[in-house]
Amino acid sequence: MRINRQEFRKRYRPIDKFTHKGIQGHALIIGGSYGKMGSVVLASKACLKTGCGLVTAFIPKCGYEILQISNPEVMVETDDLMWYLTTINIKTKFQAIGIGMGQDSDTQYAFHYFLKSNKTRLIIDADGLNILSKNLEWLELLPKHTILTPHPKELERLIGKWNSDENKRYRVAQLSHKFNLVIVVKGAPTVIFFQDEIYENTTGNQALATAGSGDVLSGIITSFVAQSYKPLDAAILGVYLHGLTADIAAPKMSYQAFIASDIIENIGNAYLESASQLL
């Protein structure tokens, strides 16, 4: 099935005029390490910009000032260690958790401990996926309908090398079936797998091939899940909106000059174009 404007509008729910931030969802973005705090900055800002009522970032101490200055609307909690995550100590109730962090041994241990007790809906990206690919048995610990967002190399680490596009799709569908996952395979085009269902996105262009683009997508999808959309619907809405920002902005500024922050800046324009009569 093709993900187009009609599919977006079929799933999108207008925000009630009497709503408030406390019922618009609270999302947690986990990640970051020394020199790589930009991923959490982008994901958390995209999460807010897509309509989530509250967003908290859980990061190592080295990123505290970076997050507070970059995204004053985002709440920040920190690990005890300065440079990378060694614990994932969550005290607040969240509706969705987006997670993508480094691969330090202590971080991997913290991730495993977290997965054994977590029941909240998850969106896993970046090194979160790479850790899983090294510990495939941990996939059994994921909550039902967890969303994975691999780019081609991360996907290869999860399912092994494929010899054709048909073989790749078969392996991804198998993985989705076995562990009840929603798998967003980023690419041109981005394709979503959920058991026997396959959805191919129609928005986006080469401008999205830029650092941080995937972090923004993870933040957008996490926002929709936190707003109580079903994980599959959240993924469909997210990839469509994410791609549409590039279709709107890149022709005005060039493919080369478009960066991940421009995706965030154009989320509002993408909403207006795709759901203007519903807002």
C-alpha atoms as a PDB file:
ATOM      1  CA  MET A   1       0.000   0.000   0.000  1.00  0.00           C
ATOM      2  CA  ARG A   2       1.196   3.516  -0.800  1.00  0.00           C
ATOM      3  CA  ILE A   3       1.399   6.116   1.971  1.00  0.00           C
ATOM      4  CA  ASN A   4      -0.103   9.256   0.475  1.00  0.00           C
ATOM      5  CA  ARG A   5      -2.145  12.252   1.589  1.00  0.00           C
ATOM      6  CA  GLN A   6      -5.320  10.171   1.702  1.00  0.00           C
ATOM      7  CA  GLU A   7      -3.708   7.616   4.023  1.00  0.00           C
ATOM      8  CA  PHE A   8      -2.400  10.422   6.241  1.00  0.00           C
ATOM      9  CA  ARG A   9      -5.795  12.098   6.506  1.00  0.00           C
ATOM     10  CA  LYS A  10      -7.507   8.772   7.208  1.00  0.00           C
ATOM     11  CA  ARG A  11      -5.368   8.290  10.324  1.00  0.00           C
ATOM     12  CA  TYR A  12      -4.783  11.848  11.533  1.00  0.00           C
ATOM     13  CA  ARG A  13      -6.908  13.064  14.459  1.00  0.00           C
ATOM     14  CA  PRO A  14      -7.485  16.827  14.854  1.00  0.00           C
ATOM     15  CA  ILE A  15      -6.514  18.209  18.263  1.00  0.00           C
ATOM     16  CA  ASP A  16      -9.497  18.983  20.478  1.00  0.00           C
ATOM     17  CA  LYS A  17      -9.933  22.704  21.157  1.00  0.00           C
ATOM     18  CA  PHE A  18     -10.210  22.020  24.911  1.00  0.00           C
ATOM     19  CA  THR A  19      -7.084  19.878  25.223  1.00  0.00           C
ATOM     20  CA  HIS A  20      -4.062  20.754  27.376  1.00  0.00           C
ATOM     21  CA  LYS A  21      -0.432  19.641  27.577  1.00  0.00           C
ATOM     22  CA  GLY A  22      -1.186  17.076  30.271  1.00  0.00           C
ATOM     23  CA  ILE A  23      -3.325  14.985  27.929  1.00  0.00           C
ATOM     24  CA  GLN A  24      -1.358  15.547  24.723  1.00  0.00           C
ATOM     25  CA  GLY A  25       1.123  12.852  25.692  1.00  0.00           C
ATOM     26  CA  HIS A  26       4.445  12.792  27.542  1.00  0.00           C
ATOM     27  CA  ALA A  27       7.385  11.342  25.622  1.00  0.00           C
ATOM     28  CA  LEU A  28      10.853  10.384  26.793  1.00  0.00           C
ATOM     29  CA  ILE A  29      13.881  10.586  24.502  1.00  0.00           C
ATOM     30  CA  ILE A  30      16.869   8.562  25.752  1.00  0.00           C
ATOM     31  CA  GLY A  31      20.352   8.869  24.307  1.00  0.00           C
ATOM     32  CA  GLY A  32      23.401  10.996  23.746  1.00  0.00           C
ATOM     33  CA  SER A  33      27.078  10.781  24.601  1.00  0.00           C
ATOM     34  CA  TYR A  34      30.038  13.138  24.567  1.00  0.00           C
ATOM     35  CA  GLY A  35      30.192  14.815  21.150  1.00  0.00           C
ATOM     36  CA  LYS A  36      26.896  13.293  20.041  1.00  0.00           C
ATOM     37  CA  MET A  37      24.212  15.234  21.863  1.00  0.00           C
ATOM     38  CA  GLY A  38      22.772  16.567  18.612  1.00  0.00           C
ATOM     39  CA  SER A  39      20.707  13.419  18.107  1.00  0.00           C
ATOM     40  CA  VAL A  40      18.734  14.027  21.311  1.00  0.00           C
ATOM     41  CA  VAL A  41      18.433  17.760  20.595  1.00  0.00           C
ATOM     42  CA  LEU A  42      16.913  17.014  17.176  1.00  0.00           C
ATOM     43  CA  ALA A  43      14.688  14.128  18.276  1.00  0.00           C
ATOM     44  CA  SER A  44      13.256  15.938  21.296  1.00  0.00           C
ATOM     45  CA  LYS A  45      12.565  19.131  19.360  1.00  0.00           C
ATOM     46  CA  ALA A  46      10.894  17.195  16.539  1.00  0.00           C
ATOM     47  CA  CYS A  47       8.807  15.368  19.136  1.00  0.00           C
ATOM     48  CA  LEU A  48       7.481  18.648  20.551  1.00  0.00           C
ATOM     49  CA  LYS A  49       7.045  20.235  17.136  1.00  0.00           C
ATOM     50  CA  THR A  50       4.774  17.374  16.067  1.00  0.00           C
ATOM     51  CA  GLY A  51       2.298  18.049  18.855  1.00  0.00           C
ATOM     52  CA  CYS A  52       3.425  16.098  21.914  1.00  0.00           C
ATOM     53  CA  GLY A  53       2.348  17.905  25.085  1.00  0.00           C
ATOM     54  CA  LEU A  54       5.451  17.194  27.175  1.00  0.00           C
ATOM     55  CA  VAL A  55       8.906  15.893  26.291  1.00  0.00           C
ATOM     56  CA  THR A  56      11.694  14.817  28.638  1.00  0.00           C
ATOM     57  CA  ALA A  57      15.245  13.939  27.580  1.00  0.00           C
ATOM     58  CA  PHE A  58      17.310  11.439  29.587  1.00  0.00           C
ATOM     59  CA  ILE A  59      21.002  11.996  28.834  1.00  0.00           C
ATOM     60  CA  PRO A  60      24.516  11.821  30.326  1.00  0.00           C
ATOM     61  CA  LYS A  61      25.550  14.839  32.399  1.00  0.00           C
ATOM     62  CA  CYS A  62      27.761  16.276  29.652  1.00  0.00           C
ATOM     63  CA  GLY A  63      24.653  17.161  27.653  1.00  0.00           C
ATOM     64  CA  TYR A  64      22.676  18.962  30.353  1.00  0.00           C
ATOM     65  CA  GLU A  65      23.505  22.542  29.363  1.00  0.00           C
ATOM     66  CA  ILE A  66      23.344  21.688  25.664  1.00  0.00           C
ATOM     67  CA  LEU A  67      19.755  20.421  25.949  1.00  0.00           C
ATOM     68  CA  GLN A  68      18.572  23.188  28.266  1.00  0.00           C
ATOM     69  CA  ILE A  69      19.930  25.891  25.973  1.00  0.00           C
ATOM     70  CA  SER A  70      19.000  24.261  22.648  1.00  0.00           C
ATOM     71  CA  ASN A  71      15.461  23.205  23.605  1.00  0.00           C
ATOM     72  CA  PRO A  72      14.161  25.260  26.552  1.00  0.00           C
ATOM     73  CA  GLU A  73      10.741  23.617  26.170  1.00  0.00           C
ATOM     74  CA  VAL A  74      12.208  20.150  26.860  1.00  0.00           C
ATOM     75  CA  MET A  75      12.681  18.841  30.403  1.00  0.00           C
ATOM     76  CA  VAL A  76      16.009  17.168  31.135  1.00  0.00           C
ATOM     77  CA  GLU A  77      17.074  14.341  33.432  1.00  0.00           C
ATOM     78  CA  THR A  78      20.641  13.043  33.583  1.00  0.00           C
ATOM     79  CA  ASP A  79      22.572   9.912  34.342  1.00  0.00           C
ATOM     80  CA  ASP A  80      25.150  10.102  37.144  1.00  0.00           C
ATOM     81  CA  LEU A  81      28.051   9.659  34.718  1.00  0.00           C
ATOM     82  CA  MET A  82      29.370  12.556  32.674  1.00  0.00           C
ATOM     83  CA  TRP A  83      30.216  11.137  29.229  1.00  0.00           C
ATOM     84  CA  TYR A  84      27.750   8.346  28.356  1.00  0.00           C
ATOM     85  CA  LEU A  85      24.747   6.522  29.779  1.00  0.00           C
ATOM     86  CA  THR A  86      25.332   3.906  32.463  1.00  0.00           C
ATOM     87  CA  THR A  87      21.802   3.729  33.885  1.00  0.00           C
ATOM     88  CA  ILE A  88      18.288   4.302  32.617  1.00  0.00           C
ATOM     89  CA  ASN A  89      16.484   5.246  35.807  1.00  0.00           C
ATOM     90  CA  ILE A  90      12.948   6.316  34.912  1.00  0.00           C
ATOM     91  CA  LYS A  91      10.697   7.675  37.656  1.00  0.00           C
ATOM     92  CA  THR A  92       7.962   9.377  35.590  1.00  0.00           C
ATOM     93  CA  LYS A  93       5.211   7.680  33.596  1.00  0.00           C
ATOM     94  CA  PHE A  94       5.529   8.176  29.852  1.00  0.00           C
ATOM     95  CA  GLN A  95       3.281   7.204  26.956  1.00  0.00           C
ATOM     96  CA  ALA A  96       6.196   6.554  24.587  1.00  0.00           C
ATOM     97  CA  ILE A  97       9.976   6.220  24.776  1.00  0.00           C
ATOM     98  CA  GLY A  98      12.339   6.901  21.890  1.00  0.00           C
ATOM     99  CA  ILE A  99      15.768   5.391  22.451  1.00  0.00           C
ATOM    100  CA  GLY A 100      19.042   5.498  20.539  1.00  0.00           C
ATOM    101  CA  MET A 101      22.347   5.658  22.406  1.00  0.00           C
ATOM    102  CA  GLY A 102      26.016   4.681  22.322  1.00  0.00           C
ATOM    103  CA  GLN A 103      27.463   1.180  22.489  1.00  0.00           C
ATOM    104  CA  ASP A 104      29.702   1.441  25.564  1.00  0.00           C
ATOM    105  CA  SER A 105      29.580  -1.766  27.608  1.00  0.00           C
ATOM    106  CA  ASP A 106      27.937   0.012  30.555  1.00  0.00           C
ATOM    107  CA  THR A 107      25.342   1.490  28.201  1.00  0.00           C
ATOM    108  CA  GLN A 108      24.546  -1.935  26.776  1.00  0.00           C
ATOM    109  CA  TYR A 109      24.112  -3.308  30.283  1.00  0.00           C
ATOM    110  CA  ALA A 110      21.799  -0.424  31.188  1.00  0.00           C
ATOM    111  CA  PHE A 111      19.771  -1.003  28.010  1.00  0.00           C
ATOM    112  CA  HIS A 112      19.351  -4.705  28.815  1.00  0.00           C
ATOM    113  CA  TYR A 113      18.295  -3.980  32.388  1.00  0.00           C
ATOM    114  CA  PHE A 114      15.816  -1.390  31.107  1.00  0.00           C
ATOM    115  CA  LEU A 115      14.292  -3.786  28.553  1.00  0.00           C
ATOM    116  CA  LYS A 116      13.702  -6.452  31.196  1.00  0.00           C
ATOM    117  CA  SER A 117      11.395  -4.178  33.195  1.00  0.00           C
ATOM    118  CA  ASN A 118       9.956  -1.740  30.657  1.00  0.00           C
ATOM    119  CA  LYS A 119       6.307  -1.981  29.532  1.00  0.00           C
ATOM    120  CA  THR A 120       6.039   1.413  27.797  1.00  0.00           C
ATOM    121  CA  ARG A 121       5.804   1.568  23.996  1.00  0.00           C
ATOM    122  CA  LEU A 122       9.251   1.888  22.405  1.00  0.00           C
ATOM    123  CA  ILE A 123      10.761   3.435  19.309  1.00  0.00           C
ATOM    124  CA  ILE A 124      14.329   2.190  18.823  1.00  0.00           C
ATOM    125  CA  ASP A 125      16.868   3.819  16.517  1.00  0.00           C
ATOM    126  CA  ALA A 126      20.614   4.112  15.855  1.00  0.00           C
ATOM    127  CA  ASP A 127      22.874   2.308  18.347  1.00  0.00           C
ATOM    128  CA  GLY A 128      19.833   0.933  20.127  1.00  0.00           C
ATOM    129  CA  LEU A 129      19.369  -1.150  16.969  1.00  0.00           C
ATOM    130  CA  ASN A 130      23.053  -2.026  16.788  1.00  0.00           C
ATOM    131  CA  ILE A 131      23.000  -3.286  20.376  1.00  0.00           C
ATOM    132  CA  LEU A 132      19.970  -5.445  19.553  1.00  0.00           C
ATOM    133  CA  SER A 133      21.730  -6.849  16.479  1.00  0.00           C
ATOM    134  CA  LYS A 134      24.529  -8.089  18.763  1.00  0.00           C
ATOM    135  CA  ASN A 135      22.007  -9.562  21.225  1.00  0.00           C
ATOM    136  CA  LEU A 136      19.128 -10.847  19.101  1.00  0.00           C
ATOM    137  CA  GLU A 137      17.660 -12.736  22.057  1.00  0.00           C
ATOM    138  CA  TRP A 138      16.810  -9.355  23.592  1.00  0.00           C
ATOM    139  CA  LEU A 139      14.167  -8.889  20.892  1.00  0.00           C
ATOM    140  CA  GLU A 140      11.978 -11.165  23.014  1.00  0.00           C
ATOM    141  CA  LEU A 141      11.969  -8.449  25.699  1.00  0.00           C
ATOM    142  CA  LEU A 142      10.472  -5.749  23.493  1.00  0.00           C
ATOM    143  CA  PRO A 143       6.869  -4.685  24.146  1.00  0.00           C
ATOM    144  CA  LYS A 144       4.305  -5.659  21.542  1.00  0.00           C
ATOM    145  CA  HIS A 145       4.384  -3.377  18.483  1.00  0.00           C
ATOM    146  CA  THR A 146       7.739  -1.816  19.281  1.00  0.00           C
ATOM    147  CA  ILE A 147       8.883   0.347  16.350  1.00  0.00           C
ATOM    148  CA  LEU A 148      12.361  -0.173  14.873  1.00  0.00           C
ATOM    149  CA  THR A 149      13.726   2.462  12.468  1.00  0.00           C
ATOM    150  CA  PRO A 150      16.830   1.015  10.747  1.00  0.00           C
ATOM    151  CA  HIS A 151      18.714   2.481   7.818  1.00  0.00           C
ATOM    152  CA  PRO A 152      20.064  -0.156   5.351  1.00  0.00           C
ATOM    153  CA  LYS A 153      23.286  -0.925   7.248  1.00  0.00           C
ATOM    154  CA  GLU A 154      21.481  -1.229  10.593  1.00  0.00           C
ATOM    155  CA  LEU A 155      18.929  -3.472   8.906  1.00  0.00           C
ATOM    156  CA  GLU A 156      21.688  -5.680   7.524  1.00  0.00           C
ATOM    157  CA  ARG A 157      23.065  -6.140  11.028  1.00  0.00           C
ATOM    158  CA  LEU A 158      19.618  -7.246  12.206  1.00  0.00           C
ATOM    159  CA  ILE A 159      18.611  -9.639   9.403  1.00  0.00           C
ATOM    160  CA  GLY A 160      21.885 -10.443   7.619  1.00  0.00           C
ATOM    161  CA  LYS A 161      22.843  -9.742   4.008  1.00  0.00           C
ATOM    162  CA  TRP A 162      20.187 -10.141   1.338  1.00  0.00           C
ATOM    163  CA  ASN A 163      20.645 -11.093  -2.315  1.00  0.00           C
ATOM    164  CA  SER A 164      17.638  -9.251  -3.736  1.00  0.00           C
ATOM    165  CA  ASP A 165      15.007  -6.724  -2.744  1.00  0.00           C
ATOM    166  CA  GLU A 166      12.487  -9.548  -2.590  1.00  0.00           C
ATOM    167  CA  ASN A 167      14.727 -11.492  -0.213  1.00  0.00           C
ATOM    168  CA  LYS A 168      15.206  -8.399   1.962  1.00  0.00           C
ATOM    169  CA  ARG A 169      11.461  -7.810   2.210  1.00  0.00           C
ATOM    170  CA  TYR A 170      10.867 -11.460   3.073  1.00  0.00           C
ATOM    171  CA  ARG A 171      13.420 -11.325   5.911  1.00  0.00           C
ATOM    172  CA  VAL A 172      12.051  -8.070   7.302  1.00  0.00           C
ATOM    173  CA  ALA A 173       8.506  -9.454   7.244  1.00  0.00           C
ATOM    174  CA  GLN A 174       9.730 -12.566   9.066  1.00  0.00           C
ATOM    175  CA  LEU A 175      11.347 -10.434  11.771  1.00  0.00           C
ATOM    176  CA  SER A 176       8.178  -8.372  12.145  1.00  0.00           C
ATOM    177  CA  HIS A 177       6.056 -11.519  12.446  1.00  0.00           C
ATOM    178  CA  LYS A 178       8.308 -13.293  14.903  1.00  0.00           C
ATOM    179  CA  PHE A 179       8.564 -10.444  17.393  1.00  0.00           C
ATOM    180  CA  ASN A 180       5.379  -8.479  16.580  1.00  0.00           C
ATOM    181  CA  LEU A 181       7.316  -5.411  15.466  1.00  0.00           C
ATOM    182  CA  VAL A 182       6.624  -2.382  13.301  1.00  0.00           C
ATOM    183  CA  ILE A 183       9.763  -1.967  11.183  1.00  0.00           C
ATOM    184  CA  VAL A 184      10.422   1.310   9.382  1.00  0.00           C
ATOM    185  CA  VAL A 185      13.103   0.641   6.765  1.00  0.00           C
ATOM    186  CA  LYS A 186      14.516   4.063   5.933  1.00  0.00           C
ATOM    187  CA  GLY A 187      15.510   4.653   2.335  1.00  0.00           C
ATOM    188  CA  ALA A 188      14.313   5.834  -1.044  1.00  0.00           C
ATOM    189  CA  PRO A 189      11.495   5.087  -0.574  1.00  0.00           C
ATOM    190  CA  THR A 190      10.990   4.393   3.122  1.00  0.00           C
ATOM    191  CA  VAL A 191       8.971   1.202   3.611  1.00  0.00           C
ATOM    192  CA  ILE A 192       7.050   0.132   6.725  1.00  0.00           C
ATOM    193  CA  PHE A 193       6.534  -3.538   7.576  1.00  0.00           C
ATOM    194  CA  PHE A 194       3.983  -4.849  10.031  1.00  0.00           C
ATOM    195  CA  GLN A 195       3.529  -8.599   9.779  1.00  0.00           C
ATOM    196  CA  ASP A 196       1.822  -9.184   6.382  1.00  0.00           C
ATOM    197  CA  GLU A 197       1.278  -5.480   5.725  1.00  0.00           C
ATOM    198  CA  ILE A 198       3.724  -3.371   3.706  1.00  0.00           C
ATOM    199  CA  TYR A 199       3.419   0.395   3.291  1.00  0.00           C
ATOM    200  CA  GLU A 200       5.590   2.370   0.857  1.00  0.00           C
ATOM    201  CA  ASN A 201       5.969   6.087   1.439  1.00  0.00           C
ATOM    202  CA  THR A 202       5.419   8.538  -1.410  1.00  0.00           C
ATOM    203  CA  THR A 203       6.924  11.696   0.112  1.00  0.00           C
ATOM    204  CA  GLY A 204      10.540  12.786   0.433  1.00  0.00           C
ATOM    205  CA  ASN A 205      13.530  13.328  -1.820  1.00  0.00           C
ATOM    206  CA  GLN A 206      17.329  13.288  -1.811  1.00  0.00           C
ATOM    207  CA  ALA A 207      17.483  16.279   0.537  1.00  0.00           C
ATOM    208  CA  LEU A 208      16.724  13.891   3.410  1.00  0.00           C
ATOM    209  CA  ALA A 209      20.115  12.189   2.932  1.00  0.00           C
ATOM    210  CA  THR A 210      21.656  14.372   5.617  1.00  0.00           C
ATOM    211  CA  ALA A 211      23.023  13.913   9.132  1.00  0.00           C
ATOM    212  CA  GLY A 212      20.306  13.866  11.798  1.00  0.00           C
ATOM    213  CA  SER A 213      17.418  13.160   9.442  1.00  0.00           C
ATOM    214  CA  GLY A 214      16.771   9.800  11.090  1.00  0.00           C
ATOM    215  CA  ASP A 215      16.907  11.309  14.575  1.00  0.00           C
ATOM    216  CA  VAL A 216      14.187  13.768  13.564  1.00  0.00           C
ATOM    217  CA  LEU A 217      12.062  10.931  12.172  1.00  0.00           C
ATOM    218  CA  SER A 218      12.397   8.991  15.438  1.00  0.00           C
ATOM    219  CA  GLY A 219      11.279  12.060  17.383  1.00  0.00           C
ATOM    220  CA  ILE A 220       8.266  12.567  15.114  1.00  0.00           C
ATOM    221  CA  ILE A 221       7.144   8.947  15.403  1.00  0.00           C
ATOM    222  CA  THR A 222       7.679   8.972  19.178  1.00  0.00           C
ATOM    223  CA  SER A 223       5.443  12.045  19.371  1.00  0.00           C
ATOM    224  CA  PHE A 224       2.583  10.323  17.567  1.00  0.00           C
ATOM    225  CA  VAL A 225       2.859   7.232  19.785  1.00  0.00           C
ATOM    226  CA  ALA A 226       2.852   9.431  22.897  1.00  0.00           C
ATOM    227  CA  GLN A 227      -0.310  11.082  21.573  1.00  0.00           C
ATOM    228  CA  SER A 228      -1.966   7.638  21.715  1.00  0.00           C
ATOM    229  CA  TYR A 229      -1.814   6.730  18.048  1.00  0.00           C
ATOM    230  CA  LYS A 230      -1.423   3.039  17.338  1.00  0.00           C
ATOM    231  CA  PRO A 231       2.244   2.282  16.561  1.00  0.00           C
ATOM    232  CA  LEU A 232       1.576   1.407  12.910  1.00  0.00           C
ATOM    233  CA  ASP A 233      -0.455   4.583  12.397  1.00  0.00           C
ATOM    234  CA  ALA A 234       2.250   6.609  14.171  1.00  0.00           C
ATOM    235  CA  ALA A 235       4.886   5.219  11.807  1.00  0.00           C
ATOM    236  CA  ILE A 236       2.752   5.942   8.725  1.00  0.00           C
ATOM    237  CA  LEU A 237       1.966   9.495   9.833  1.00  0.00           C
ATOM    238  CA  GLY A 238       5.588  10.070  10.798  1.00  0.00           C
ATOM    239  CA  VAL A 239       7.268   8.993   7.579  1.00  0.00           C
ATOM    240  CA  TYR A 240       4.728  10.862   5.459  1.00  0.00           C
ATOM    241  CA  LEU A 241       5.105  14.122   7.379  1.00  0.00           C
ATOM    242  CA  HIS A 242       8.908  13.760   7.559  1.00  0.00           C
ATOM    243  CA  GLY A 243       9.194  13.297   3.795  1.00  0.00           C
ATOM    244  CA  LEU A 244       6.748  16.074   3.019  1.00  0.00           C
ATOM    245  CA  THR A 245       8.932  18.651   4.780  1.00  0.00           C
ATOM    246  CA  ALA A 246      11.651  18.025   2.189  1.00  0.00           C
ATOM    247  CA  ASP A 247       9.181  18.176  -0.690  1.00  0.00           C
ATOM    248  CA  ILE A 248       8.020  21.574   0.558  1.00  0.00           C
ATOM    249  CA  ALA A 249      11.331  23.172   1.527  1.00  0.00           C
ATOM    250  CA  ALA A 250      14.085  21.666  -0.632  1.00  0.00           C
ATOM    251  CA  PRO A 251      12.911  23.189  -3.956  1.00  0.00           C
ATOM    252  CA  LYS A 252      13.137  26.630  -2.342  1.00  0.00           C
ATOM    253  CA  MET A 253      16.625  26.202  -0.876  1.00  0.00           C
ATOM    254  CA  SER A 254      18.277  23.341  -2.869  1.00  0.00           C
ATOM    255  CA  TYR A 255      18.782  19.722  -1.918  1.00  0.00           C
ATOM    256  CA  GLN A 256      22.350  20.428  -0.814  1.00  0.00           C
ATOM    257  CA  ALA A 257      21.520  23.179   1.679  1.00  0.00           C
ATOM    258  CA  PHE A 258      18.674  21.278   3.358  1.00  0.00           C
ATOM    259  CA  ILE A 259      19.651  19.946   6.808  1.00  0.00           C
ATOM    260  CA  ALA A 260      17.876  18.061   9.585  1.00  0.00           C
ATOM    261  CA  SER A 261      16.900  21.257  11.391  1.00  0.00           C
ATOM    262  CA  ASP A 262      15.024  22.289   8.236  1.00  0.00           C
ATOM    263  CA  ILE A 263      12.839  19.210   8.621  1.00  0.00           C
ATOM    264  CA  ILE A 264      11.797  20.436  12.065  1.00  0.00           C
ATOM    265  CA  GLU A 265      11.272  23.990  10.855  1.00  0.00           C
ATOM    266  CA  ASN A 266       8.896  22.760   8.147  1.00  0.00           C
ATOM    267  CA  ILE A 267       6.788  20.328  10.183  1.00  0.00           C
ATOM    268  CA  GLY A 268       4.135  23.026  10.586  1.00  0.00           C
ATOM    269  CA  ASN A 269       4.052  23.627   6.830  1.00  0.00           C
ATOM    270  CA  ALA A 270       3.731  19.896   6.226  1.00  0.00           C
ATOM    271  CA  TYR A 271       0.770  19.737   8.617  1.00  0.00           C
ATOM    272  CA  LEU A 272      -0.893  22.666   6.836  1.00  0.00           C
ATOM    273  CA  GLU A 273      -0.450  21.055   3.431  1.00  0.00           C
ATOM    274  CA  SER A 274      -1.561  17.556   4.384  1.00  0.00           C
ATOM    275  CA  ALA A 275      -4.305  18.198   6.952  1.00  0.00           C
ATOM    276  CA  SER A 276      -5.250  21.876   6.632  1.00  0.00           C
ATOM    277  CA  GLN A 277      -9.009  21.274   6.645  1.00  0.00           C
ATOM    278  CA  LEU A 278      -8.702  18.997   9.673  1.00  0.00           C
ATOM    279  CA  LEU A 279      -6.542  21.175  11.953  1.00  0.00           C
END
